[in-house]
């Protein structure tokens, strides 16, 4: 009976994996998808999921919550969004205009937002309204890098130009606007180092 349940569960996941592949996502072995996933991949951009990645939008598979789909977006033709092996997320949104690189064994809590863009022009020229200026220019310095074994707590926001060092823990609800070194616990708005691991 247990084996039958495993087979049925894997069969139920097939349509979701097909959606990833038909959306142009590079999918490693044993990637698992639970619940809804939304993919928007700009033509010419890259979204890659390494082996054993878990995308979860099913509240039954999270000890806290899951409030919506996992959303993976690339916004420009040369954007890169890569998620390393054995990483997992619940109801997170990751939006890349330049480059977002997530290492191996990274845990991304429910409702986390990771972006490498302001999504609007922040300082419009005099007499211009930002609403009509479109998307801001993509800059290489805006990329986001999250090293191996990082844990990002629920509802945190990781903004452009940030690196989070290996094995660090970001507390729930944090707003990460500056680099976080390896092997620390950091939290707050703005996120700051509270201690070492």
Protein backbone atom coordinates (compact mmCIF):
# COMPACT_ATOMS: atom_id res chain seq x y z
CA UNK A 1 0.00 0.00 0.00
CA UNK A 2 2.82 2.39 0.87
CA UNK A 3 4.54 1.72 -2.44
CA UNK A 4 1.28 2.39 -4.30
CA UNK A 5 0.93 5.76 -2.55
CA UNK A 6 4.47 6.68 -3.56
CA UNK A 7 3.79 5.77 -7.20
CA UNK A 8 0.52 7.74 -7.22
CA UNK A 9 2.20 10.76 -5.64
CA UNK A 10 4.92 10.74 -8.31
CA UNK A 11 2.34 10.38 -11.07
CA UNK A 12 0.43 13.38 -9.70
CA UNK A 13 3.62 15.44 -9.88
CA UNK A 14 4.26 14.71 -13.58
CA UNK A 15 2.01 17.46 -15.00
CA UNK A 16 3.79 20.05 -12.83
CA UNK A 17 7.21 18.88 -13.99
CA UNK A 18 6.01 18.98 -17.59
CA UNK A 19 4.91 22.60 -17.06
CA UNK A 20 8.40 23.45 -15.79
CA UNK A 21 10.09 21.83 -18.77
CA UNK A 22 7.70 23.29 -21.37
CA UNK A 23 8.33 26.72 -19.82
CA UNK A 24 12.01 26.28 -20.67
CA UNK A 25 13.20 25.53 -17.13
CA UNK A 26 16.23 23.26 -16.82
CA UNK A 27 15.15 20.59 -14.31
CA UNK A 28 17.54 18.23 -12.50
CA UNK A 29 16.70 14.74 -11.31
CA UNK A 30 14.19 14.11 -8.55
CA UNK A 31 12.83 17.69 -8.50
CA UNK A 32 9.54 17.70 -6.58
CA UNK A 33 6.65 20.13 -6.98
CA UNK A 34 3.74 20.29 -4.54
CA UNK A 35 0.87 22.65 -5.24
CA UNK A 36 0.87 25.57 -7.67
CA UNK A 37 3.96 26.89 -9.40
CA UNK A 38 3.99 29.93 -11.71
CA UNK A 39 6.81 30.35 -14.20
CA UNK A 40 7.54 33.45 -16.26
CA UNK A 41 10.75 33.06 -18.24
CA UNK A 42 11.82 35.92 -20.49
CA UNK A 43 12.94 34.76 -23.93
CA UNK A 44 16.69 34.05 -23.85
CA UNK A 45 16.90 33.91 -20.04
CA UNK A 46 17.75 30.90 -17.88
CA UNK A 47 15.94 29.26 -14.99
CA UNK A 48 17.63 26.13 -13.65
CA UNK A 49 16.71 23.78 -10.81
CA UNK A 50 19.37 21.30 -9.71
CA UNK A 51 18.69 17.79 -8.44
CA UNK A 52 16.39 17.24 -5.45
CA UNK A 53 14.96 20.78 -5.42
CA UNK A 54 11.55 21.02 -3.74
CA UNK A 55 9.02 23.69 -4.75
CA UNK A 56 6.18 23.60 -2.25
CA UNK A 57 2.85 25.46 -2.26
CA UNK A 58 0.95 22.86 -0.23
CA UNK A 59 0.23 23.79 3.41
CA UNK A 60 0.21 20.11 4.38
CA UNK A 61 3.92 19.95 3.54
CA UNK A 62 5.04 22.90 5.67
CA UNK A 63 5.03 23.24 9.45
CA UNK A 64 4.08 26.92 9.28
CA UNK A 65 1.97 27.83 6.26
CA UNK A 66 1.77 28.17 2.54
CA UNK A 67 -0.26 31.09 1.19
CA UNK A 68 0.17 30.97 -2.54
CA UNK A 69 2.13 29.55 -5.42
CA UNK A 70 5.87 29.36 -5.84
CA UNK A 71 6.68 32.04 -8.43
CA UNK A 72 9.90 31.94 -10.47
CA UNK A 73 10.44 34.85 -12.90
CA UNK A 74 13.12 36.16 -15.19
CA UNK A 75 12.47 39.67 -16.47
CA UNK A 76 15.12 40.26 -19.12
CA UNK A 77 16.67 38.24 -21.96
CA UNK A 78 19.98 37.68 -20.17
CA UNK A 79 18.59 37.05 -16.68
CA UNK A 80 19.73 34.00 -14.73
CA UNK A 81 17.89 32.30 -11.87
CA UNK A 82 19.60 29.18 -10.53
CA UNK A 83 18.68 27.04 -7.53
CA UNK A 84 21.22 24.54 -6.21
CA UNK A 85 20.76 20.88 -5.32
CA UNK A 86 18.76 19.81 -2.27
CA UNK A 87 17.29 23.31 -1.84
CA UNK A 88 13.65 23.88 -1.01
CA UNK A 89 11.11 26.67 -0.72
CA UNK A 90 7.48 27.20 0.21
CA UNK A 91 5.27 29.80 -1.51
CA UNK A 92 8.30 31.97 -2.32
CA UNK A 93 8.65 34.51 -5.12
CA UNK A 94 12.01 34.83 -6.87
CA UNK A 95 12.24 37.51 -9.56
CA UNK A 96 15.46 38.02 -11.53
CA UNK A 97 16.28 40.81 -13.96
CA UNK A 98 20.05 40.23 -13.74
CA UNK A 99 21.18 37.19 -11.73
CA UNK A 100 19.96 35.35 -8.66
CA UNK A 101 22.11 32.41 -7.62
CA UNK A 102 20.96 30.16 -4.77
CA UNK A 103 23.41 27.57 -3.48
CA UNK A 104 22.99 23.97 -2.41
CA UNK A 105 20.87 22.90 0.58
CA UNK A 106 19.28 26.35 0.97
CA UNK A 107 15.95 26.50 2.81
CA UNK A 108 13.62 29.35 1.85
CA UNK A 109 10.68 29.85 4.22
CA UNK A 110 7.05 30.52 3.43
CA UNK A 111 6.32 33.78 1.64
CA UNK A 112 9.94 34.85 1.09
CA UNK A 113 10.57 37.40 -1.68
CA UNK A 114 13.95 37.53 -3.45
CA UNK A 115 14.57 40.12 -6.17
CA UNK A 116 17.50 41.79 -7.90
CA UNK A 117 15.60 44.83 -9.18
CA UNK A 118 13.67 47.85 -7.90
CA UNK A 119 11.02 47.04 -10.56
CA UNK A 120 10.44 50.79 -11.05
CA UNK A 121 12.72 53.78 -11.63
CA UNK A 122 13.47 55.05 -8.12
CA UNK A 123 14.74 58.55 -9.04
CA UNK A 124 12.80 59.79 -12.04
CA UNK A 125 14.13 62.79 -13.98
CA UNK A 126 12.55 66.12 -13.04
CA UNK A 127 9.10 66.45 -14.54
CA UNK A 128 8.79 62.72 -15.27
CA UNK A 129 6.51 60.30 -13.45
CA UNK A 130 8.01 56.92 -12.54
CA UNK A 131 4.76 55.21 -13.49
CA UNK A 132 5.49 55.88 -17.18
CA UNK A 133 9.24 55.25 -17.20
CA UNK A 134 9.02 51.48 -17.43
CA UNK A 135 11.42 48.95 -16.01
CA UNK A 136 14.75 50.28 -14.64
CA UNK A 137 18.02 49.40 -16.39
CA UNK A 138 19.57 46.05 -15.47
CA UNK A 139 22.94 46.33 -13.72
CA UNK A 140 25.38 43.51 -12.91
CA UNK A 141 25.92 44.93 -9.40
CA UNK A 142 22.27 44.21 -8.57
CA UNK A 143 22.73 40.43 -8.59
CA UNK A 144 21.83 38.37 -5.53
CA UNK A 145 23.99 35.49 -4.30
CA UNK A 146 22.89 33.10 -1.58
CA UNK A 147 25.60 30.64 -0.55
CA UNK A 148 25.25 26.98 0.47
CA UNK A 149 23.34 25.88 3.58
CA UNK A 150 21.60 29.23 4.19
CA UNK A 151 18.18 29.31 5.89
CA UNK A 152 15.91 32.28 5.13
CA UNK A 153 12.98 32.56 7.54
CA UNK A 154 9.36 33.05 6.52
CA UNK A 155 8.24 36.32 4.94
CA UNK A 156 11.74 37.73 4.64
CA UNK A 157 12.67 40.00 1.74
CA UNK A 158 16.07 39.82 0.06
CA UNK A 159 16.74 42.88 -2.11
CA UNK A 160 19.11 43.63 -4.98
CA UNK A 161 22.88 43.60 -4.69
CA UNK A 162 22.99 41.33 -1.63
CA UNK A 163 25.15 38.31 -0.81
CA UNK A 164 24.32 35.97 2.06
CA UNK A 165 27.26 33.92 3.30
CA UNK A 166 27.32 30.15 3.74
CA UNK A 167 25.48 28.58 6.66
CA UNK A 168 23.88 31.84 7.80
CA UNK A 169 20.35 32.06 9.18
CA UNK A 170 18.06 34.98 8.33
CA UNK A 171 15.28 35.49 10.89
CA UNK A 172 11.63 35.54 9.82
CA UNK A 173 10.32 38.86 8.52
CA UNK A 174 13.76 40.32 7.85
CA UNK A 175 14.55 42.81 5.09
CA UNK A 176 18.03 42.05 3.75
CA UNK A 177 19.53 45.16 2.12
CA UNK A 178 23.24 44.58 2.89
CA UNK A 179 25.62 41.64 2.61
CA UNK A 180 25.42 39.07 5.40
CA UNK A 181 28.66 37.21 6.26
CA UNK A 182 28.92 33.42 6.63
CA UNK A 183 28.06 31.58 9.85
CA UNK A 184 25.85 34.22 11.48
CA UNK A 185 22.31 34.70 12.69
CA UNK A 186 20.86 37.93 11.28
CA UNK A 187 17.42 39.49 11.51
CA UNK A 188 15.46 42.72 11.46
CA UNK A 189 14.54 45.61 9.19
CA UNK A 190 17.12 46.33 8.02
CA UNK A 191 18.61 42.90 8.64
CA UNK A 192 21.72 42.97 10.83
CA UNK A 193 23.97 40.39 12.44
CA UNK A 194 22.75 39.33 15.90
CA UNK A 195 25.24 36.56 16.65
CA UNK A 196 27.48 33.82 15.30
CA UNK A 197 26.76 30.15 14.77
